[in-house]
Protein backbone atom coordinates (compact mmCIF):
# COMPACT_ATOMS: atom_id res chain seq x y z
CA UNK A 1 -56.48 86.11 171.57
CA UNK A 2 -57.99 88.90 173.65
CA UNK A 3 -56.62 88.24 177.13
CA UNK A 4 -58.54 91.09 178.76
CA UNK A 5 -61.84 89.79 177.38
CA UNK A 6 -61.09 86.30 178.67
CA UNK A 7 -60.18 87.58 182.13
CA UNK A 8 -63.31 89.72 182.36
CA UNK A 9 -65.51 86.73 181.45
CA UNK A 10 -63.72 83.91 183.28
CA UNK A 11 -62.12 85.67 186.24
CA UNK A 12 -64.61 88.42 187.11
CA UNK A 13 -63.35 88.90 190.69
CA UNK A 14 -59.66 88.89 189.88
CA UNK A 15 -57.52 92.02 190.04
CA UNK A 16 -55.07 92.50 187.20
CA UNK A 17 -53.54 95.09 184.87
CA UNK A 18 -52.65 94.77 181.20
CA UNK A 19 -49.77 96.93 180.00
CA UNK A 20 -49.96 95.67 176.44
CA UNK A 21 -51.62 92.92 174.44
CA UNK A 22 -49.62 89.79 175.32
CA UNK A 23 -49.56 87.38 178.24
CA UNK A 24 -46.20 88.83 179.29
CA UNK A 25 -47.93 92.20 179.71
CA UNK A 26 -50.37 90.77 182.26
CA UNK A 27 -49.65 91.96 185.79
CA UNK A 28 -51.58 89.74 188.20
CA UNK A 29 -52.59 91.50 191.44
CA UNK A 30 -55.19 89.07 192.69
CA UNK A 31 -54.95 86.55 195.51
CA UNK A 32 -56.28 84.00 193.04
CA UNK A 33 -53.62 82.04 191.22
CA UNK A 34 -52.64 83.65 187.93
CA UNK A 35 -53.97 81.54 185.05
CA UNK A 36 -51.40 80.03 182.74
CA UNK A 37 -51.26 81.15 179.14
CA UNK A 38 -52.40 77.68 178.03
CA UNK A 39 -55.54 77.97 180.19
CA UNK A 40 -56.40 81.31 178.63
CA UNK A 41 -55.90 79.90 175.15
CA UNK A 42 -58.38 77.12 175.94
CA UNK A 43 -60.94 79.67 177.14
CA UNK A 44 -60.54 81.90 174.07
CA UNK A 45 -62.71 79.78 171.74
CA UNK A 46 -65.46 79.62 174.38
CA UNK A 47 -65.34 83.38 174.95
CA UNK A 48 -65.50 84.02 171.20
CA UNK A 49 -68.55 81.76 170.85
CA UNK A 50 -70.27 83.52 173.76
CA UNK A 51 -69.62 86.89 172.10
CA UNK A 52 -70.91 85.62 168.75
CA UNK A 53 -74.05 84.28 170.42
CA UNK A 54 -74.74 87.60 172.13
CA UNK A 55 -74.18 89.46 168.86
CA UNK A 56 -76.45 87.07 166.93
CA UNK A 57 -79.23 87.44 169.52
CA UNK A 58 -79.01 91.24 169.43
CA UNK A 59 -78.99 91.35 165.64
CA UNK A 60 -81.91 88.92 165.43
CA UNK A 61 -83.95 90.91 167.95
CA UNK A 62 -83.49 94.08 165.92
CA UNK A 63 -84.30 92.32 162.64
CA UNK A 64 -87.38 90.62 164.10
CA UNK A 65 -88.68 93.94 165.37
CA UNK A 66 -87.97 95.81 162.15
CA UNK A 67 -88.66 93.13 159.54
CA UNK A 68 -90.72 90.16 160.70
CA UNK A 69 -92.99 91.87 163.23
CA UNK A 70 -94.53 94.12 160.56
CA UNK A 71 -95.21 91.06 158.40
CA UNK A 72 -96.80 89.33 161.38
CA UNK A 73 -99.11 92.31 161.87
CA UNK A 74 -100.03 92.18 158.18
CA UNK A 75 -100.70 88.46 158.58
CA UNK A 76 -103.02 89.22 161.50
CA UNK A 77 -104.93 91.69 159.30
CA UNK A 78 -105.09 89.25 156.39
CA UNK A 79 -102.68 91.31 154.27
CA UNK A 80 -99.85 88.72 154.26
CA UNK A 81 -99.61 84.97 154.58
CA UNK A 82 -98.31 83.04 157.53
CA UNK A 83 -95.68 81.56 155.22
CA UNK A 84 -94.36 85.03 154.31
CA UNK A 85 -93.91 85.73 158.00
CA UNK A 86 -92.22 82.36 158.66
CA UNK A 87 -89.97 82.80 155.62
CA UNK A 88 -88.80 86.17 156.95
CA UNK A 89 -88.02 84.62 160.33
CA UNK A 90 -85.98 81.88 158.66
CA UNK A 91 -84.16 84.42 156.49
CA UNK A 92 -83.21 86.42 159.61
CA UNK A 93 -81.93 83.26 161.33
CA UNK A 94 -79.81 82.48 158.28
CA UNK A 95 -78.45 86.01 158.16
CA UNK A 96 -77.51 86.00 161.84
CA UNK A 97 -76.57 82.40 162.65
CA UNK A 98 -75.83 81.26 166.18
CA UNK A 99 -72.40 79.66 166.66
CA UNK A 100 -72.23 75.88 166.64
C-alpha cells in the first residue's frame, strides 16, 4: 500500500509528513482528523484502479495516434478497409485494458 499516494488523492488539503513507508511513519500535521490505517487500506484499491485507468488512457491515446490514426487516414484514401482500422482499435483496447 502506498500511503503517500492515497493521501495525495484522498486528502489533498491535508498537511502531513512521511518519514518512512508505513502507517507508523505518518506524521499528521493537519487540523483534519488523521485517517485510520483501515480507512487507508480501503482506499488503496480505489487509488490503484484510478492510476490504472489513467495509465490505460495515456497508453491508448499514444497507440491510437501512432497506430490506428494512420490506418484511418489510409481508409479515407481508399488504401485500407474500415475493418482494418476497427480491428486495430480493438487490438489497442485489448493491449491496454481499463480496470474493471
